Amino acid sequence: MMDAAPQPASSAAHALFTELTGAAPVGLWSAPGRVNLIGEHTDYNDGFVLPFAIEQRTHVALGTRSDGRIRVISTVDPVPVEVPLVDLDVLFPDGRGDVPEWATYPLGVAWALLRGVGAGTASVTGVDMAIASSVPIGAGLSSSAAIEGAVAIALNETWSLGLDRVALARAGRTAENEAVGAPTGIMDQMASMLGRADAAIFLDCRSLATEIVDLGFADAGLELVVIDTGVAHSHATGGYAQRRAACERGAAIMGVTALRDLAVADLARAAELMDDETFRRVRHVVTENQRVLDTVQTLRDHGPRTIGNLLLASHASMRDDFEISVPELDTAVDAAMSAGAIGARMTGGGFGGAAIALVANDRVETVKDAAAAAFAASGFASPTAFTVRPSWGAGRDA
């Protein structure tokens, strides 16, 4: 089941495809971005996360070709990128610098799918793909997973690969890790693939087991406001990789496979064994895992109006222990709370991007105005604020 309302990005993808090829596409597919309600930097530590898919989506218009080549074009770059399918193994992972960065996402997914199914290229057809998106880039809403999901589900059908949604999410993660070079976990891809309306996905990143958790925002009269700071970030930069390395170092010191295997009660011993920075990185992940579990239980027992303190504690941990917030994100959270939000936190990998605020319907505009005023007072560029609603995962639109 897909959202019925058409989005401008769908028309843009269709038009771009027609402009590129002079023909209509054989199909249109899309996948959503995501908001992570809570559970940041826990995914690659085999931990727990609670994301949901959003209405903003990336759209792919696709047509087949008979020459064994793959060509991609995007509204972010008017120059198409074209390579033979047989050359994808040469391009990735070491030759990714030979194509523009945006193209490594769709081409990387094609490479990961072919490698994963062991099909080579003999049994698949060449394709043209035109991509357009309404997911803000660099805002922490996983525009990358939306591209990966849309391309993966389009190619899975076009090439008759028969892969399930978890396998497609894995292919997206492989593309991001090895083709793009960003050391991310699998949360984003799973959320984009498995999203449901008015629900979040409680994901165990070790087993990939999922549970659908009803959020109940609509019944509670709540909206989730995204405050995009406009400070762009990139997971392929050093800060993210340094945090991941610190987590791996902490797990090794504690003699566990991953930080998932530690409980809050283990932190006292960790503090004795680690330098201060490594300990604080570990403390964030361990306490964040517990906050995810507490949020799921609180939603089930008491509803969404009672999770505000957990969101605030998550932000404080990311700001102070993991040190991935920036002044603009802190300002957004403080402004939202001062304007009556139930809870707020930065979302995404950090170093920029967006904050989220859980807000009563009648306070949405007040929160948006407060964020704009606080940014102006601090001398920051104006933020972009908008609401998002939990929505459906990847699928075929036409």
Protein backbone atom coordinates (compact mmCIF):
# COMPACT_ATOMS: atom_id res chain seq x y z
CA MET A 1 0.00 0.00 0.00
CA MET A 2 1.36 3.40 -0.99
CA ASP A 3 0.40 6.97 -0.14
CA ALA A 4 -2.15 8.09 -2.68
CA ALA A 5 -1.22 11.75 -2.98
CA PRO A 6 1.12 12.40 -5.93
CA GLN A 7 4.29 14.32 -5.21
CA PRO A 8 5.98 16.82 -7.50
CA ALA A 9 9.19 14.79 -7.42
CA SER A 10 7.39 11.94 -9.17
CA SER A 11 6.49 14.20 -12.08
CA ALA A 12 10.02 15.58 -12.11
CA ALA A 13 11.52 12.10 -12.40
CA HIS A 14 9.12 11.21 -15.21
CA ALA A 15 9.88 14.43 -17.10
CA LEU A 16 13.63 14.04 -16.66
CA PHE A 17 13.49 10.49 -17.97
CA THR A 18 11.53 11.56 -21.04
CA GLU A 19 13.98 14.39 -21.66
CA LEU A 20 16.90 11.97 -21.38
CA THR A 21 15.55 9.16 -23.53
CA GLY A 22 12.75 10.60 -25.65
CA ALA A 23 10.46 7.85 -24.38
CA ALA A 24 8.22 7.14 -21.43
CA PRO A 25 9.57 5.04 -18.54
CA VAL A 26 8.32 1.50 -18.03
CA GLY A 27 7.66 2.26 -14.39
CA LEU A 28 7.96 4.66 -11.46
CA TRP A 29 9.15 3.59 -8.02
CA SER A 30 9.81 5.52 -4.82
CA ALA A 31 11.17 5.17 -1.31
CA PRO A 32 10.87 7.48 1.68
CA GLY A 33 13.35 9.28 3.82
CA ARG A 34 13.14 8.61 7.51
CA VAL A 35 13.13 10.30 10.86
CA ASN A 36 14.74 8.47 13.71
CA LEU A 37 12.55 9.06 16.72
CA ILE A 38 15.28 7.80 19.06
CA GLY A 39 18.35 5.58 18.90
CA GLU A 40 21.31 7.42 17.40
CA HIS A 41 24.63 5.73 16.55
CA THR A 42 23.31 2.51 18.09
CA ASP A 43 22.75 0.76 14.77
CA TYR A 44 26.34 -0.04 13.89
CA ASN A 45 26.83 -1.14 17.50
CA ASP A 46 24.29 -3.96 17.00
CA GLY A 47 21.80 -2.04 19.10
CA PHE A 48 18.21 -0.83 18.95
CA VAL A 49 16.62 1.99 16.96
CA LEU A 50 13.13 3.39 16.50
CA PRO A 51 12.84 5.15 13.12
CA PHE A 52 9.84 5.80 10.92
CA ALA A 53 9.46 6.45 7.21
CA ILE A 54 8.23 9.92 6.21
CA GLU A 55 6.06 11.28 3.41
CA GLN A 56 8.99 12.93 1.62
CA ARG A 57 10.27 10.47 -0.98
CA THR A 58 12.82 9.86 -3.71
CA HIS A 59 11.37 8.81 -7.06
CA VAL A 60 12.97 6.76 -9.82
CA ALA A 61 11.68 6.59 -13.38
CA LEU A 62 13.19 3.57 -15.14
CA GLY A 63 13.35 2.17 -18.64
CA THR A 64 15.25 -0.78 -20.07
CA ARG A 65 17.88 -0.80 -22.79
CA SER A 66 19.45 -3.60 -24.79
CA ASP A 67 23.15 -2.68 -24.71
CA GLY A 68 24.06 -3.84 -21.19
CA ARG A 69 24.72 -0.35 -19.88
CA ILE A 70 23.35 1.56 -16.91
CA ARG A 71 22.74 5.30 -17.19
CA VAL A 72 21.59 7.51 -14.33
CA ILE A 73 20.60 11.16 -14.19
CA SER A 74 19.28 13.26 -11.33
CA THR A 75 17.64 16.62 -10.85
CA VAL A 76 20.67 17.54 -8.71
CA ASP A 77 23.00 17.11 -11.72
CA PRO A 78 21.92 17.55 -15.36
CA VAL A 79 24.85 15.48 -16.65
CA PRO A 80 24.01 11.76 -16.99
CA VAL A 81 26.49 9.13 -15.83
CA GLU A 82 26.75 5.98 -17.93
CA VAL A 83 28.81 2.81 -17.46
CA PRO A 84 28.62 -0.77 -18.73
CA LEU A 85 27.11 -3.11 -16.14
CA VAL A 86 30.17 -5.33 -16.48
CA ASP A 87 32.34 -2.42 -15.32
CA LEU A 88 30.57 -1.98 -11.96
CA ASP A 89 32.96 -4.48 -10.38
CA VAL A 90 35.84 -2.31 -11.57
CA LEU A 91 34.20 0.91 -10.40
CA PHE A 92 33.47 -0.28 -6.86
CA PRO A 93 34.72 -0.04 -4.32
CA ASP A 94 38.08 1.44 -5.29
CA GLY A 95 37.15 3.41 -8.40
CA ARG A 96 34.23 5.39 -7.00
CA GLY A 97 36.13 8.64 -7.47
CA ASP A 98 35.70 8.21 -11.21
CA VAL A 99 32.01 9.22 -11.04
CA PRO A 100 30.23 12.11 -9.27
CA GLU A 101 29.41 11.35 -5.64
CA TRP A 102 25.63 11.38 -6.15
CA ALA A 103 25.95 8.69 -8.84
CA THR A 104 27.74 6.31 -6.48
CA TYR A 105 24.42 5.75 -4.69
CA PRO A 106 22.35 4.35 -7.59
CA LEU A 107 25.31 2.70 -9.29
CA GLY A 108 26.44 1.28 -5.96
CA VAL A 109 23.02 -0.28 -5.39
CA ALA A 110 23.12 -1.91 -8.83
CA TRP A 111 26.58 -3.26 -8.05
CA ALA A 112 25.52 -4.54 -4.62
CA LEU A 113 22.42 -6.26 -6.00
CA LEU A 114 24.34 -8.03 -8.74
CA ARG A 115 27.08 -9.08 -6.36
CA GLY A 116 24.58 -10.22 -3.74
CA VAL A 117 22.56 -12.49 -5.99
CA GLY A 118 25.62 -13.80 -7.79
CA ALA A 119 23.96 -13.15 -11.12
CA GLY A 120 26.80 -11.34 -12.78
CA THR A 121 25.38 -9.29 -15.63
CA ALA A 122 24.50 -11.94 -18.18
CA SER A 123 20.90 -12.29 -17.04
CA VAL A 124 20.04 -8.63 -16.51
CA THR A 125 19.16 -5.88 -18.92
CA GLY A 126 20.63 -2.43 -19.17
CA VAL A 127 18.62 0.42 -17.66
CA ASP A 128 18.14 4.16 -17.74
CA MET A 129 17.10 5.79 -14.48
CA ALA A 130 16.03 9.36 -13.73
CA ILE A 131 15.95 10.38 -10.08
CA ALA A 132 14.14 13.22 -8.30
CA SER A 133 13.53 13.70 -4.60
CA SER A 134 11.57 15.69 -2.07
CA VAL A 135 13.79 14.48 0.80
CA PRO A 136 16.05 17.36 1.90
CA ILE A 137 19.72 16.54 1.32
CA GLY A 138 22.05 16.77 4.32
CA ALA A 139 19.24 17.30 6.82
CA GLY A 140 19.61 14.00 8.67
CA LEU A 141 16.47 12.58 7.04
CA SER A 142 18.38 9.94 5.10
CA SER A 143 18.10 11.17 1.56
CA SER A 144 20.76 8.57 0.79
CA ALA A 145 18.66 5.61 1.97
CA ALA A 146 15.70 6.99 0.02
CA ILE A 147 17.77 6.90 -3.18
CA GLU A 148 19.08 3.44 -2.36
CA GLY A 149 15.63 2.12 -1.55
CA ALA A 150 13.97 3.50 -4.65
CA VAL A 151 16.71 2.18 -6.93
CA ALA A 152 16.83 -1.19 -5.16
CA ILE A 153 13.11 -1.85 -5.40
CA ALA A 154 13.02 -0.70 -9.04
CA LEU A 155 15.92 -2.93 -10.07
CA ASN A 156 14.66 -5.86 -8.02
CA GLU A 157 11.45 -5.86 -10.04
CA THR A 158 13.00 -4.99 -13.39
CA TRP A 159 15.68 -7.65 -13.09
CA SER A 160 13.31 -10.21 -11.49
CA LEU A 161 15.74 -10.81 -8.63
CA GLY A 162 13.06 -11.92 -6.19
CA LEU A 163 14.73 -10.36 -3.14
CA ASP A 164 12.74 -9.53 -0.03
CA ARG A 165 12.78 -6.11 1.62
CA VAL A 166 15.42 -7.00 4.19
CA ALA A 167 17.75 -8.18 1.40
CA LEU A 168 17.13 -4.93 -0.45
CA ALA A 169 17.95 -2.98 2.71
CA ARG A 170 21.17 -4.97 3.02
CA ALA A 171 22.06 -4.07 -0.57
CA GLY A 172 21.51 -0.42 0.23
CA ARG A 173 23.80 -0.64 3.23
CA THR A 174 26.45 -2.39 1.13
CA ALA A 175 26.23 0.40 -1.42
CA GLU A 176 26.59 3.05 1.26
CA ASN A 177 29.43 1.31 3.10
CA GLU A 178 31.50 0.04 0.19
CA ALA A 179 30.51 2.02 -2.90
CA VAL A 180 29.98 5.43 -1.27
CA GLY A 181 32.44 4.83 1.55
CA ALA A 182 30.23 5.88 4.47
CA PRO A 183 30.49 3.56 7.52
CA THR A 184 26.78 3.62 8.40
CA GLY A 185 24.54 0.95 9.86
CA ILE A 186 21.36 -0.49 8.37
CA MET A 187 18.70 1.50 10.22
CA ASP A 188 18.01 3.98 7.44
CA GLN A 189 17.58 1.37 4.73
CA MET A 190 15.32 -0.79 6.91
CA ALA A 191 13.10 2.18 7.77
CA SER A 192 12.82 3.18 4.12
CA MET A 193 11.88 -0.34 3.11
CA LEU A 194 9.54 -1.32 5.95
CA GLY A 195 7.73 1.92 6.86
CA ARG A 196 4.08 1.92 7.96
CA ALA A 197 1.55 4.72 8.41
CA ASP A 198 1.41 6.24 11.94
CA ALA A 199 3.92 3.67 13.16
CA ALA A 200 7.61 3.33 13.88
CA ILE A 201 9.87 0.35 13.31
CA PHE A 202 11.51 -1.07 16.42
CA LEU A 203 14.60 -2.65 14.92
CA ASP A 204 17.14 -4.94 16.49
CA CYS A 205 20.18 -4.13 14.39
CA ARG A 206 21.92 -7.39 15.30
CA SER A 207 19.22 -9.85 14.30
CA LEU A 208 17.32 -7.44 11.98
CA ALA A 209 14.15 -8.51 13.76
CA THR A 210 11.50 -5.82 13.57
CA GLU A 211 8.33 -4.92 15.41
CA ILE A 212 5.80 -2.32 14.33
CA VAL A 213 5.16 0.15 17.15
CA ASP A 214 2.05 2.28 16.87
CA LEU A 215 2.97 5.90 17.51
CA GLY A 216 -0.52 7.29 17.95
CA PHE A 217 0.49 10.84 17.03
CA ALA A 218 -2.75 11.53 15.19
CA ASP A 219 -5.03 10.30 17.97
CA ALA A 220 -3.01 12.25 20.54
CA GLY A 221 -3.23 15.47 18.53
CA LEU A 222 0.50 15.61 17.94
CA GLU A 223 2.76 16.52 15.04
CA LEU A 224 6.46 15.94 14.59
CA VAL A 225 8.19 19.11 13.47
CA VAL A 226 11.53 18.88 11.68
CA ILE A 227 13.77 21.92 12.08
CA ASP A 228 16.39 21.72 9.35
CA THR A 229 19.33 23.83 10.45
CA GLY A 230 20.72 24.10 6.94
CA VAL A 231 24.11 22.95 8.24
CA ALA A 232 24.98 20.20 5.79
CA HIS A 233 26.73 17.09 6.98
CA SER A 234 28.20 14.04 5.33
CA HIS A 235 28.52 10.55 6.79
CA ALA A 236 31.59 9.99 4.62
CA THR A 237 33.56 12.60 6.55
CA GLY A 238 35.89 11.89 9.43
CA GLY A 239 33.73 12.68 12.45
CA TYR A 240 31.37 9.79 11.90
CA ALA A 241 34.19 7.33 11.27
CA GLN A 242 36.01 8.50 14.41
CA ARG A 243 32.92 7.88 16.52
CA ARG A 244 32.53 4.40 15.08
CA ALA A 245 36.20 3.63 15.76
CA ALA A 246 35.80 4.77 19.36
CA CYS A 247 32.83 2.44 19.80
CA GLU A 248 34.80 -0.49 18.41
CA ARG A 249 37.71 0.39 20.70
CA GLY A 250 35.39 0.50 23.70
CA ALA A 251 33.86 -2.87 22.85
CA ALA A 252 37.33 -4.40 22.54
CA ILE A 253 38.38 -3.01 25.92
CA MET A 254 35.27 -4.51 27.52
CA GLY A 255 35.75 -7.84 25.75
CA VAL A 256 32.40 -7.84 23.98
CA THR A 257 31.45 -8.24 20.33
CA ALA A 258 29.63 -4.90 20.22
CA LEU A 259 28.43 -2.24 22.65
CA ARG A 260 24.97 -3.82 22.39
CA ASP A 261 26.31 -6.42 24.80
CA LEU A 262 26.81 -3.89 27.60
CA ALA A 263 24.17 -2.70 30.05
CA VAL A 264 24.00 0.53 32.00
CA ALA A 265 25.27 -1.38 35.02
CA ASP A 266 28.53 -2.09 33.14
CA LEU A 267 29.42 1.58 32.82
CA ALA A 268 31.13 1.84 36.20
CA ARG A 269 33.66 -0.79 35.16
CA ALA A 270 34.04 0.83 31.74
CA ALA A 271 34.92 4.13 33.36
CA GLU A 272 37.82 2.46 35.18
CA LEU A 273 39.24 0.88 32.01
CA MET A 274 38.92 3.63 29.40
CA ASP A 275 40.19 7.10 28.73
CA ASP A 276 37.55 9.78 29.23
CA GLU A 277 36.69 10.30 25.57
CA THR A 278 36.25 6.62 24.77
CA PHE A 279 34.17 6.17 27.90
CA ARG A 280 31.84 9.00 27.00
CA ARG A 281 31.33 7.57 23.52
CA VAL A 282 30.52 4.20 25.05
CA ARG A 283 28.22 5.73 27.66
CA HIS A 284 26.17 7.42 24.96
CA VAL A 285 25.60 4.19 23.05
CA VAL A 286 24.79 2.09 26.11
CA THR A 287 22.37 4.62 27.58
CA GLU A 288 20.84 5.35 24.17
CA ASN A 289 20.07 1.67 23.70
CA GLN A 290 18.25 1.71 27.02
CA ARG A 291 16.37 4.86 26.01
CA VAL A 292 15.09 3.13 22.87
CA LEU A 293 13.77 0.23 24.95
CA ASP A 294 12.22 2.66 27.43
CA THR A 295 10.60 4.68 24.64
CA VAL A 296 9.00 1.61 23.09
CA GLN A 297 7.61 0.54 26.46
CA THR A 298 6.42 4.06 27.29
CA LEU A 299 4.64 4.42 23.95
CA ARG A 300 2.86 1.13 24.51
CA ASP A 301 1.92 1.80 28.13
CA HIS A 302 1.24 5.53 28.21
CA GLY A 303 1.25 6.96 24.68
CA PRO A 304 3.36 9.54 22.83
CA ARG A 305 2.75 12.48 25.16
CA THR A 306 4.94 10.81 27.79
CA ILE A 307 8.21 10.35 25.84
CA GLY A 308 9.43 13.95 25.98
CA ASN A 309 12.05 13.46 28.69
CA LEU A 310 13.54 10.50 26.81
CA LEU A 311 13.96 12.65 23.69
CA LEU A 312 15.63 15.40 25.71
CA ALA A 313 17.96 12.94 27.44
CA SER A 314 18.95 11.56 24.05
CA HIS A 315 19.88 15.01 22.81
CA ALA A 316 21.91 15.80 25.91
CA SER A 317 23.82 12.54 25.50
CA MET A 318 24.61 13.26 21.85
CA ARG A 319 25.65 16.80 22.72
CA ASP A 320 27.82 16.03 25.73
CA ASP A 321 29.00 12.42 25.47
CA PHE A 322 29.07 11.73 21.74
CA GLU A 323 29.78 15.36 20.80
CA ILE A 324 27.93 15.32 17.49
CA SER A 325 25.62 18.27 17.97
CA VAL A 326 26.33 21.78 16.72
CA PRO A 327 25.17 25.17 18.09
CA GLU A 328 22.37 25.36 15.52
CA LEU A 329 20.95 22.00 16.64
CA ASP A 330 21.13 22.97 20.30
CA THR A 331 19.39 26.25 19.50
CA ALA A 332 16.62 24.44 17.64
CA VAL A 333 16.00 22.06 20.56
CA ASP A 334 16.03 24.86 23.15
CA ALA A 335 13.71 27.04 21.07
CA ALA A 336 11.24 24.23 20.53
CA MET A 337 11.08 23.45 24.23
CA SER A 338 10.68 27.08 25.17
CA ALA A 339 7.71 27.24 22.77
CA GLY A 340 5.93 24.33 24.42
CA ALA A 341 7.19 21.20 22.65
CA ILE A 342 6.71 17.93 24.51
CA GLY A 343 10.24 16.85 23.66
CA ALA A 344 12.99 17.55 21.13
CA ARG A 345 16.32 16.18 19.99
CA MET A 346 18.71 16.26 17.09
CA THR A 347 18.17 13.41 14.67
CA GLY A 348 20.51 11.69 12.25
CA GLY A 349 24.24 11.23 12.27
CA GLY A 350 25.02 14.68 13.65
CA PHE A 351 27.49 17.45 12.80
CA GLY A 352 24.57 19.35 11.28
CA GLY A 353 21.25 18.35 9.82
CA ALA A 354 17.96 18.60 11.64
CA ALA A 355 16.30 18.53 15.03
CA ILE A 356 12.86 17.08 15.68
CA ALA A 357 10.25 18.32 18.09
CA LEU A 358 7.10 16.50 19.22
CA VAL A 359 4.46 19.20 19.36
CA ALA A 360 0.73 19.55 20.01
CA ASN A 361 -1.21 20.48 16.88
CA ASP A 362 -1.99 23.97 18.13
CA ARG A 363 1.67 24.72 18.93
CA VAL A 364 3.22 23.84 15.58
CA GLU A 365 3.39 27.37 14.20
CA THR A 366 4.54 28.71 17.56
CA VAL A 367 7.46 26.27 17.56
CA LYS A 368 8.38 27.13 13.99
CA ASP A 369 8.30 30.85 14.78
CA ALA A 370 10.36 30.36 17.94
CA ALA A 371 13.03 28.47 16.04
CA ALA A 372 13.23 31.19 13.38
CA ALA A 373 13.50 33.91 16.04
CA ALA A 374 16.18 32.04 18.01
CA PHE A 375 18.26 31.47 14.89
CA ALA A 376 18.01 35.13 13.94
CA ALA A 377 19.02 36.21 17.44
CA SER A 378 22.06 33.92 17.29
CA GLY A 379 23.11 35.17 13.86
CA PHE A 380 22.41 31.84 12.18
CA ALA A 381 20.88 31.47 8.74
CA SER A 382 17.14 30.86 8.86
CA PRO A 383 16.13 27.25 9.47
CA THR A 384 13.52 25.41 7.44
CA ALA A 385 10.77 23.89 9.55
CA PHE A 386 8.11 21.44 8.37
CA THR A 387 6.04 18.58 9.70
CA VAL A 388 6.50 14.92 8.83
CA ARG A 389 4.07 12.05 9.25
CA PRO A 390 4.91 8.37 9.63
CA SER A 391 4.37 6.89 6.20
CA TRP A 392 4.69 3.83 3.97
CA GLY A 393 7.91 2.25 2.76
CA ALA A 394 9.33 1.72 -0.71
CA GLY A 395 7.13 0.54 -3.57
CA ARG A 396 6.01 0.92 -7.15
CA ASP A 397 3.90 3.98 -7.89
CA ALA A 398 3.08 3.49 -11.57
